[in-house]
Every structure is written in structure tokens, then in C-alpha cells.
Amino acid sequence: MENQKLSNFVTVPRDIMRDCRNGIISKPERNLLLVLRPLGNAYGIAIVTLDGLAEDTFNKSVDKNYINSLLLSLKKKRYIWYQSRAGRRG
């Protein structure tokens, strides 16, 4: 078997950029997806914290509530999935 060079290979799905250009996801959602993808293992599972995502994605210039709203939006649009987290009200 010959070694064949792959042409036009990218590790990030092209549909993320296409959906951002078409207005399906926002630029902050795209940035968060681009941070989450390399953090996942071979099965796509990533263990992260909201503070860590805020620091990695936006250099800590946003708070956890904003990151949470982006994650909820991505989950609603079926780009990511996570188990429901038990919340607590005021």
C-alpha cells in the first residue's frame, strides 16, 4: 500500500464555519466550539469548567452566566450535548 498524501484535510468540521457564515451560530458560539473540540477525547467527551472555558475562550473577560448561556444555545442547536445539571434558585 502506498503512502498517499491527504489533500484538503482539516480536523475541524467545515459545517461549523459554514453555519457561522450563514448566521445559524454566532461568533462567540463558534469560538466556544473551537475551544471545546480539541478538549474532547476520542469519544467526544470533554470535562471542563465554566471558569476554564471563560479563560480559554474569552481571556476571562466574561462571567460564567454568559458561558452557560452559550452552552445552552449550542445544546439547543444540537452542536453539543451534556446531561442536565441540577440548578439552584436564589
PDB file of N, CA and C in Angstrom:
ATOM      1  N   MET A   1       0.835  -1.175   0.000  1.00  0.00           N
ATOM      2  CA  MET A   1       0.000   0.000   0.000  1.00  0.00           C
ATOM      3  C   MET A   1       0.887   1.248   0.000  1.00  0.00           C
ATOM      4  N   GLU A   2       0.577   2.161  -0.844  1.00  0.00           N
ATOM      5  CA  GLU A   2       1.362   3.391  -0.965  1.00  0.00           C
ATOM      6  C   GLU A   2       0.945   4.414   0.088  1.00  0.00           C
ATOM      7  N   ASN A   3       1.914   5.223   0.448  1.00  0.00           N
ATOM      8  CA  ASN A   3       1.576   6.359   1.303  1.00  0.00           C
ATOM      9  C   ASN A   3       0.963   7.434   0.424  1.00  0.00           C
ATOM     10  N   GLN A   4      -0.265   7.780   0.718  1.00  0.00           N
ATOM     11  CA  GLN A   4      -0.934   8.793  -0.070  1.00  0.00           C
ATOM     12  C   GLN A   4      -1.104  10.043   0.768  1.00  0.00           C
ATOM     13  N   LYS A   5      -0.836  11.133   0.151  1.00  0.00           N
ATOM     14  CA  LYS A   5      -0.956  12.409   0.837  1.00  0.00           C
ATOM     15  C   LYS A   5      -2.421  12.857   0.806  1.00  0.00           C
ATOM     16  N   LEU A   6      -2.941  13.189   1.968  1.00  0.00           N
ATOM     17  CA  LEU A   6      -4.310  13.691   2.035  1.00  0.00           C
ATOM     18  C   LEU A   6      -4.323  15.146   1.612  1.00  0.00           C
ATOM     19  N   SER A   7      -5.170  15.465   0.696  1.00  0.00           N
ATOM     20  CA  SER A   7      -5.283  16.867   0.298  1.00  0.00           C
ATOM     21  C   SER A   7      -6.555  17.449   0.893  1.00  0.00           C
ATOM     22  N   ASN A   8      -6.449  18.667   1.322  1.00  0.00           N
ATOM     23  CA  ASN A   8      -7.604  19.392   1.815  1.00  0.00           C
ATOM     24  C   ASN A   8      -8.204  18.744   3.060  1.00  0.00           C
ATOM     25  N   PHE A   9      -7.387  18.358   4.022  1.00  0.00           N
ATOM     26  CA  PHE A   9      -7.842  17.720   5.254  1.00  0.00           C
ATOM     27  C   PHE A   9      -7.810  18.725   6.397  1.00  0.00           C
ATOM     28  N   VAL A  10      -8.917  18.822   7.127  1.00  0.00           N
ATOM     29  CA  VAL A  10      -8.975  19.686   8.303  1.00  0.00           C
ATOM     30  C   VAL A  10      -9.541  18.879   9.468  1.00  0.00           C
ATOM     31  N   THR A  11      -9.130  19.221  10.683  1.00  0.00           N
ATOM     32  CA  THR A  11      -9.603  18.489  11.858  1.00  0.00           C
ATOM     33  C   THR A  11     -10.899  19.068  12.418  1.00  0.00           C
ATOM     34  N   VAL A  12     -11.255  20.265  12.014  1.00  0.00           N
ATOM     35  CA  VAL A  12     -12.492  20.898  12.468  1.00  0.00           C
ATOM     36  C   VAL A  12     -13.522  20.767  11.351  1.00  0.00           C
ATOM     37  N   PRO A  13     -14.710  20.284  11.664  1.00  0.00           N
ATOM     38  CA  PRO A  13     -15.721  20.155  10.609  1.00  0.00           C
ATOM     39  C   PRO A  13     -16.007  21.491   9.923  1.00  0.00           C
ATOM     40  N   ARG A  14     -16.102  21.436   8.633  1.00  0.00           N
ATOM     41  CA  ARG A  14     -16.345  22.661   7.868  1.00  0.00           C
ATOM     42  C   ARG A  14     -17.731  23.241   8.121  1.00  0.00           C
ATOM     43  N   ASP A  15     -18.659  22.413   8.585  1.00  0.00           N
ATOM     44  CA  ASP A  15     -20.007  22.927   8.794  1.00  0.00           C
ATOM     45  C   ASP A  15     -20.077  23.955   9.918  1.00  0.00           C
ATOM     46  N   ILE A  16     -19.110  23.943  10.832  1.00  0.00           N
ATOM     47  CA  ILE A  16     -19.092  24.964  11.896  1.00  0.00           C
ATOM     48  C   ILE A  16     -18.871  26.344  11.279  1.00  0.00           C
ATOM     49  N   MET A  17     -17.888  26.450  10.413  1.00  0.00           N
ATOM     50  CA  MET A  17     -17.619  27.742   9.772  1.00  0.00           C
ATOM     51  C   MET A  17     -18.753  28.136   8.828  1.00  0.00           C
ATOM     52  N   ARG A  18     -19.274  27.172   8.094  1.00  0.00           N
ATOM     53  CA  ARG A  18     -20.381  27.461   7.173  1.00  0.00           C
ATOM     54  C   ARG A  18     -21.610  27.962   7.938  1.00  0.00           C
ATOM     55  N   ASP A  19     -21.929  27.305   9.061  1.00  0.00           N
ATOM     56  CA  ASP A  19     -23.082  27.725   9.846  1.00  0.00           C
ATOM     57  C   ASP A  19     -22.874  29.099  10.472  1.00  0.00           C
ATOM     58  N   CYS A  20     -21.636  29.422  10.818  1.00  0.00           N
ATOM     59  CA  CYS A  20     -21.350  30.760  11.344  1.00  0.00           C
ATOM     60  C   CYS A  20     -21.546  31.808  10.248  1.00  0.00           C
ATOM     61  N   ARG A  21     -21.056  31.532   9.059  1.00  0.00           N
ATOM     62  CA  ARG A  21     -21.234  32.472   7.946  1.00  0.00           C
ATOM     63  C   ARG A  21     -22.696  32.652   7.571  1.00  0.00           C
ATOM     64  N   ASN A  22     -23.480  31.592   7.699  1.00  0.00           N
ATOM     65  CA  ASN A  22     -24.896  31.653   7.359  1.00  0.00           C
ATOM     66  C   ASN A  22     -25.772  32.177   8.493  1.00  0.00           C
ATOM     67  N   GLY A  23     -25.177  32.491   9.633  1.00  0.00           N
ATOM     68  CA  GLY A  23     -25.919  33.081  10.740  1.00  0.00           C
ATOM     69  C   GLY A  23     -26.644  32.088  11.630  1.00  0.00           C
ATOM     70  N   ILE A  24     -26.354  30.800  11.497  1.00  0.00           N
ATOM     71  CA  ILE A  24     -27.001  29.799  12.342  1.00  0.00           C
ATOM     72  C   ILE A  24     -26.413  29.832  13.753  1.00  0.00           C
ATOM     73  N   ILE A  25     -25.097  29.983  13.837  1.00  0.00           N
ATOM     74  CA  ILE A  25     -24.454  30.165  15.144  1.00  0.00           C
ATOM     75  C   ILE A  25     -23.711  31.496  15.128  1.00  0.00           C
ATOM     76  N   SER A  26     -23.555  32.074  16.311  1.00  0.00           N
ATOM     77  CA  SER A  26     -22.866  33.364  16.424  1.00  0.00           C
ATOM     78  C   SER A  26     -21.359  33.146  16.518  1.00  0.00           C
ATOM     79  N   LYS A  27     -20.599  34.223  16.410  1.00  0.00           N
ATOM     80  CA  LYS A  27     -19.142  34.106  16.515  1.00  0.00           C
ATOM     81  C   LYS A  27     -18.698  33.647  17.897  1.00  0.00           C
ATOM     82  N   PRO A  28     -19.303  34.141  18.993  1.00  0.00           N
ATOM     83  CA  PRO A  28     -18.911  33.586  20.294  1.00  0.00           C
ATOM     84  C   PRO A  28     -19.222  32.095  20.430  1.00  0.00           C
ATOM     85  N   GLU A  29     -20.343  31.636  19.854  1.00  0.00           N
ATOM     86  CA  GLU A  29     -20.653  30.206  19.879  1.00  0.00           C
ATOM     87  C   GLU A  29     -19.626  29.426  19.070  1.00  0.00           C
ATOM     88  N   ARG A  30     -19.230  29.960  17.927  1.00  0.00           N
ATOM     89  CA  ARG A  30     -18.206  29.316  17.110  1.00  0.00           C
ATOM     90  C   ARG A  30     -16.888  29.223  17.879  1.00  0.00           C
ATOM     91  N   ASN A  31     -16.493  30.324  18.519  1.00  0.00           N
ATOM     92  CA  ASN A  31     -15.239  30.315  19.281  1.00  0.00           C
ATOM     93  C   ASN A  31     -15.279  29.278  20.396  1.00  0.00           C
ATOM     94  N   LEU A  32     -16.412  29.166  21.066  1.00  0.00           N
ATOM     95  CA  LEU A  32     -16.544  28.185  22.142  1.00  0.00           C
ATOM     96  C   LEU A  32     -16.460  26.762  21.582  1.00  0.00           C
ATOM     97  N   LEU A  33     -17.088  26.513  20.453  1.00  0.00           N
ATOM     98  CA  LEU A  33     -16.989  25.194  19.813  1.00  0.00           C
ATOM     99  C   LEU A  33     -15.552  24.861  19.431  1.00  0.00           C
ATOM    100  N   LEU A  34     -14.828  25.853  18.913  1.00  0.00           N
ATOM    101  CA  LEU A  34     -13.446  25.613  18.506  1.00  0.00           C
ATOM    102  C   LEU A  34     -12.531  25.354  19.691  1.00  0.00           C
ATOM    103  N   VAL A  35     -12.904  25.831  20.877  1.00  0.00           N
ATOM    104  CA  VAL A  35     -12.144  25.516  22.086  1.00  0.00           C
ATOM    105  C   VAL A  35     -12.534  24.140  22.608  1.00  0.00           C
ATOM    106  N   LEU A  36     -13.822  23.797  22.536  1.00  0.00           N
ATOM    107  CA  LEU A  36     -14.286  22.516  23.076  1.00  0.00           C
ATOM    108  C   LEU A  36     -13.802  21.310  22.272  1.00  0.00           C
ATOM    109  N   ARG A  37     -13.732  21.423  20.956  1.00  0.00           N
ATOM    110  CA  ARG A  37     -13.415  20.264  20.125  1.00  0.00           C
ATOM    111  C   ARG A  37     -12.075  19.614  20.462  1.00  0.00           C
ATOM    112  N   PRO A  38     -10.983  20.365  20.576  1.00  0.00           N
ATOM    113  CA  PRO A  38      -9.717  19.680  20.892  1.00  0.00           C
ATOM    114  C   PRO A  38      -9.633  19.188  22.339  1.00  0.00           C
ATOM    115  N   LEU A  39     -10.516  19.653  23.213  1.00  0.00           N
ATOM    116  CA  LEU A  39     -10.503  19.199  24.600  1.00  0.00           C
ATOM    117  C   LEU A  39     -11.140  17.823  24.769  1.00  0.00           C
ATOM    118  N   GLY A  40     -11.932  17.407  23.795  1.00  0.00           N
ATOM    119  CA  GLY A  40     -12.617  16.121  23.884  1.00  0.00           C
ATOM    120  C   GLY A  40     -11.681  14.952  23.613  1.00  0.00           C
ATOM    121  N   ASN A  41     -12.044  13.805  24.177  1.00  0.00           N
ATOM    122  CA  ASN A  41     -11.256  12.604  23.909  1.00  0.00           C
ATOM    123  C   ASN A  41     -11.736  11.966  22.610  1.00  0.00           C
ATOM    124  N   ALA A  42     -11.320  10.746  22.339  1.00  0.00           N
ATOM    125  CA  ALA A  42     -11.675  10.080  21.089  1.00  0.00           C
ATOM    126  C   ALA A  42     -13.182   9.853  20.955  1.00  0.00           C
ATOM    127  N   TYR A  43     -13.887   9.832  22.079  1.00  0.00           N
ATOM    128  CA  TYR A  43     -15.335   9.642  22.060  1.00  0.00           C
ATOM    129  C   TYR A  43     -16.098  10.972  22.081  1.00  0.00           C
ATOM    130  N   GLY A  44     -15.380  12.081  22.071  1.00  0.00           N
ATOM    131  CA  GLY A  44     -16.020  13.384  22.070  1.00  0.00           C
ATOM    132  C   GLY A  44     -16.399  13.886  23.444  1.00  0.00           C
ATOM    133  N   ILE A  45     -15.881  13.269  24.495  1.00  0.00           N
ATOM    134  CA  ILE A  45     -16.215  13.661  25.860  1.00  0.00           C
ATOM    135  C   ILE A  45     -15.143  14.608  26.379  1.00  0.00           C
ATOM    136  N   ALA A  46     -15.570  15.773  26.845  1.00  0.00           N
ATOM    137  CA  ALA A  46     -14.649  16.752  27.416  1.00  0.00           C
ATOM    138  C   ALA A  46     -15.145  17.120  28.804  1.00  0.00           C
ATOM    139  N   ILE A  47     -14.256  17.132  29.763  1.00  0.00           N
ATOM    140  CA  ILE A  47     -14.594  17.550  31.125  1.00  0.00           C
ATOM    141  C   ILE A  47     -14.005  18.937  31.308  1.00  0.00           C
ATOM    142  N   VAL A  48     -14.879  19.913  31.467  1.00  0.00           N
ATOM    143  CA  VAL A  48     -14.466  21.311  31.527  1.00  0.00           C
ATOM    144  C   VAL A  48     -15.202  22.025  32.654  1.00  0.00           C
ATOM    145  N   THR A  49     -14.717  23.206  32.987  1.00  0.00           N
ATOM    146  CA  THR A  49     -15.406  24.072  33.939  1.00  0.00           C
ATOM    147  C   THR A  49     -15.805  25.358  33.218  1.00  0.00           C
ATOM    148  N   LEU A  50     -16.808  26.021  33.742  1.00  0.00           N
ATOM    149  CA  LEU A  50     -17.243  27.275  33.134  1.00  0.00           C
ATOM    150  C   LEU A  50     -16.150  28.331  33.239  1.00  0.00           C
ATOM    151  N   ASP A  51     -15.451  28.365  34.380  1.00  0.00           N
ATOM    152  CA  ASP A  51     -14.344  29.320  34.533  1.00  0.00           C
ATOM    153  C   ASP A  51     -13.225  29.036  33.530  1.00  0.00           C
ATOM    154  N   GLY A  52     -12.917  27.759  33.340  1.00  0.00           N
ATOM    155  CA  GLY A  52     -11.878  27.392  32.384  1.00  0.00           C
ATOM    156  C   GLY A  52     -12.247  27.767  30.960  1.00  0.00           C
ATOM    157  N   LEU A  53     -13.514  27.558  30.605  1.00  0.00           N
ATOM    158  CA  LEU A  53     -13.959  27.941  29.262  1.00  0.00           C
ATOM    159  C   LEU A  53     -13.928  29.452  29.075  1.00  0.00           C
ATOM    160  N   ALA A  54     -14.295  30.187  30.119  1.00  0.00           N
ATOM    161  CA  ALA A  54     -14.251  31.655  30.036  1.00  0.00           C
ATOM    162  C   ALA A  54     -12.829  32.133  29.815  1.00  0.00           C
ATOM    163  N   GLU A  55     -11.893  31.514  30.514  1.00  0.00           N
ATOM    164  CA  GLU A  55     -10.484  31.913  30.368  1.00  0.00           C
ATOM    165  C   GLU A  55      -9.925  31.515  28.997  1.00  0.00           C
ATOM    166  N   ASP A  56     -10.191  30.284  28.573  1.00  0.00           N
ATOM    167  CA  ASP A  56      -9.643  29.802  27.306  1.00  0.00           C
ATOM    168  C   ASP A  56     -10.262  30.496  26.095  1.00  0.00           C
ATOM    169  N   THR A  57     -11.547  30.781  26.167  1.00  0.00           N
ATOM    170  CA  THR A  57     -12.244  31.324  25.003  1.00  0.00           C
ATOM    171  C   THR A  57     -12.190  32.844  24.937  1.00  0.00           C
ATOM    172  N   PHE A  58     -12.400  33.501  26.069  1.00  0.00           N
ATOM    173  CA  PHE A  58     -12.537  34.957  26.071  1.00  0.00           C
ATOM    174  C   PHE A  58     -11.541  35.658  26.998  1.00  0.00           C
ATOM    175  N   ASN A  59     -10.485  34.973  27.400  1.00  0.00           N
ATOM    176  CA  ASN A  59      -9.469  35.545  28.299  1.00  0.00           C
ATOM    177  C   ASN A  59     -10.075  36.093  29.579  1.00  0.00           C
ATOM    178  N   LYS A  60     -11.083  35.404  30.099  1.00  0.00           N
ATOM    179  CA  LYS A  60     -11.722  35.714  31.390  1.00  0.00           C
ATOM    180  C   LYS A  60     -12.471  37.050  31.376  1.00  0.00           C
ATOM    181  N   SER A  61     -12.778  37.597  30.213  1.00  0.00           N
ATOM    182  CA  SER A  61     -13.475  38.882  30.165  1.00  0.00           C
ATOM    183  C   SER A  61     -14.990  38.723  30.281  1.00  0.00           C
ATOM    184  N   VAL A  62     -15.485  37.489  30.384  1.00  0.00           N
ATOM    185  CA  VAL A  62     -16.917  37.243  30.542  1.00  0.00           C
ATOM    186  C   VAL A  62     -17.131  36.416  31.807  1.00  0.00           C
ATOM    187  N   ASP A  63     -18.364  36.438  32.315  1.00  0.00           N
ATOM    188  CA  ASP A  63     -18.613  35.642  33.519  1.00  0.00           C
ATOM    189  C   ASP A  63     -19.233  34.295  33.157  1.00  0.00           C
ATOM    190  N   LYS A  64     -19.430  33.473  34.175  1.00  0.00           N
ATOM    191  CA  LYS A  64     -19.901  32.105  33.962  1.00  0.00           C
ATOM    192  C   LYS A  64     -21.311  32.068  33.378  1.00  0.00           C
ATOM    193  N   ASN A  65     -22.139  33.047  33.698  1.00  0.00           N
ATOM    194  CA  ASN A  65     -23.506  33.057  33.177  1.00  0.00           C
ATOM    195  C   ASN A  65     -23.522  33.181  31.656  1.00  0.00           C
ATOM    196  N   TYR A  66     -22.615  33.960  31.104  1.00  0.00           N
ATOM    197  CA  TYR A  66     -22.542  34.123  29.655  1.00  0.00           C
ATOM    198  C   TYR A  66     -22.095  32.823  28.990  1.00  0.00           C
ATOM    199  N   ILE A  67     -21.096  32.165  29.572  1.00  0.00           N
ATOM    200  CA  ILE A  67     -20.631  30.875  29.048  1.00  0.00           C
ATOM    201  C   ILE A  67     -21.762  29.860  29.115  1.00  0.00           C
ATOM    202  N   ASN A  68     -22.493  29.853  30.226  1.00  0.00           N
ATOM    203  CA  ASN A  68     -23.611  28.931  30.377  1.00  0.00           C
ATOM    204  C   ASN A  68     -24.680  29.183  29.316  1.00  0.00           C
ATOM    205  N   SER A  69     -24.969  30.442  29.024  1.00  0.00           N
ATOM    206  CA  SER A  69     -25.973  30.744  28.003  1.00  0.00           C
ATOM    207  C   SER A  69     -25.498  30.301  26.618  1.00  0.00           C
ATOM    208  N   LEU A  70     -24.194  30.428  26.332  1.00  0.00           N
ATOM    209  CA  LEU A  70     -23.663  29.936  25.059  1.00  0.00           C
ATOM    210  C   LEU A  70     -23.769  28.418  24.974  1.00  0.00           C
ATOM    211  N   LEU A  71     -23.456  27.732  26.072  1.00  0.00           N
ATOM    212  CA  LEU A  71     -23.557  26.275  26.086  1.00  0.00           C
ATOM    213  C   LEU A  71     -25.006  25.827  25.897  1.00  0.00           C
ATOM    214  N   LEU A  72     -25.933  26.499  26.549  1.00  0.00           N
ATOM    215  CA  LEU A  72     -27.348  26.157  26.385  1.00  0.00           C
ATOM    216  C   LEU A  72     -27.808  26.375  24.947  1.00  0.00           C
ATOM    217  N   SER A  73     -27.335  27.454  24.332  1.00  0.00           N
ATOM    218  CA  SER A  73     -27.687  27.735  22.945  1.00  0.00           C
ATOM    219  C   SER A  73     -27.130  26.662  22.006  1.00  0.00           C
ATOM    220  N   LEU A  74     -25.883  26.262  22.224  1.00  0.00           N
ATOM    221  CA  LEU A  74     -25.274  25.214  21.399  1.00  0.00           C
ATOM    222  C   LEU A  74     -25.968  23.872  21.605  1.00  0.00           C
ATOM    223  N   LYS A  75     -26.407  23.620  22.828  1.00  0.00           N
ATOM    224  CA  LYS A  75     -27.129  22.380  23.101  1.00  0.00           C
ATOM    225  C   LYS A  75     -28.482  22.393  22.401  1.00  0.00           C
ATOM    226  N   LYS A  76     -29.161  23.526  22.442  1.00  0.00           N
ATOM    227  CA  LYS A  76     -30.459  23.649  21.780  1.00  0.00           C
ATOM    228  C   LYS A  76     -30.338  23.467  20.267  1.00  0.00           C
ATOM    229  N   LYS A  77     -29.223  23.932  19.702  1.00  0.00           N
ATOM    230  CA  LYS A  77     -28.987  23.802  18.265  1.00  0.00           C
ATOM    231  C   LYS A  77     -28.352  22.462  17.898  1.00  0.00           C
ATOM    232  N   ARG A  78     -28.146  21.602  18.891  1.00  0.00           N
ATOM    233  CA  ARG A  78     -27.618  20.246  18.735  1.00  0.00           C
ATOM    234  C   ARG A  78     -26.180  20.185  18.229  1.00  0.00           C
ATOM    235  N   TYR A  79     -25.363  21.128  18.654  1.00  0.00           N
ATOM    236  CA  TYR A  79     -23.933  21.065  18.354  1.00  0.00           C
ATOM    237  C   TYR A  79     -23.177  20.333  19.461  1.00  0.00           C
ATOM    238  N   ILE A  80     -23.703  20.424  20.673  1.00  0.00           N
ATOM    239  CA  ILE A  80     -23.103  19.719  21.808  1.00  0.00           C
ATOM    240  C   ILE A  80     -24.232  19.058  22.594  1.00  0.00           C
ATOM    241  N   TRP A  81     -23.851  18.157  23.484  1.00  0.00           N
ATOM    242  CA  TRP A  81     -24.819  17.537  24.372  1.00  0.00           C
ATOM    243  C   TRP A  81     -24.155  17.370  25.719  1.00  0.00           C
ATOM    244  N   TYR A  82     -24.915  17.581  26.769  1.00  0.00           N
ATOM    245  CA  TYR A  82     -24.462  17.275  28.118  1.00  0.00           C
ATOM    246  C   TYR A  82     -25.675  16.950  28.960  1.00  0.00           C
ATOM    247  N   GLN A  83     -25.438  16.201  30.039  1.00  0.00           N
ATOM    248  CA  GLN A  83     -26.526  15.841  30.933  1.00  0.00           C
ATOM    249  C   GLN A  83     -27.051  17.087  31.626  1.00  0.00           C
ATOM    250  N   SER A  84     -28.316  17.037  31.983  1.00  0.00           N
ATOM    251  CA  SER A  84     -28.890  18.168  32.711  1.00  0.00           C
ATOM    252  C   SER A  84     -28.169  18.312  34.039  1.00  0.00           C
ATOM    253  N   ARG A  85     -27.906  19.547  34.379  1.00  0.00           N
ATOM    254  CA  ARG A  85     -27.216  19.824  35.636  1.00  0.00           C
ATOM    255  C   ARG A  85     -28.228  20.323  36.636  1.00  0.00           C
ATOM    256  N   ALA A  86     -28.111  19.874  37.860  1.00  0.00           N
ATOM    257  CA  ALA A  86     -29.022  20.327  38.909  1.00  0.00           C
ATOM    258  C   ALA A  86     -28.699  21.781  39.231  1.00  0.00           C
ATOM    259  N   GLY A  87     -29.689  22.613  39.124  1.00  0.00           N
ATOM    260  CA  GLY A  87     -29.501  24.022  39.420  1.00  0.00           C
ATOM    261  C   GLY A  87     -30.141  24.391  40.750  1.00  0.00           C
ATOM    262  N   ARG A  88     -29.926  25.628  41.110  1.00  0.00           N
ATOM    263  CA  ARG A  88     -30.457  26.093  42.378  1.00  0.00           C
ATOM    264  C   ARG A  88     -30.943  27.514  42.173  1.00  0.00           C
ATOM    265  N   ARG A  89     -32.109  27.804  42.649  1.00  0.00           N
ATOM    266  CA  ARG A  89     -32.656  29.138  42.503  1.00  0.00           C
ATOM    267  C   ARG A  89     -32.460  29.931  43.772  1.00  0.00           C
ATOM    268  N   GLY A  90     -32.244  31.200  43.570  1.00  0.00           N
ATOM    269  CA  GLY A  90     -32.000  32.195  44.514  1.00  0.00           C
ATOM    270  C   GLY A  90     -32.394  32.235  45.856  1.00  0.00           C
TER     271      GLY A  90
END
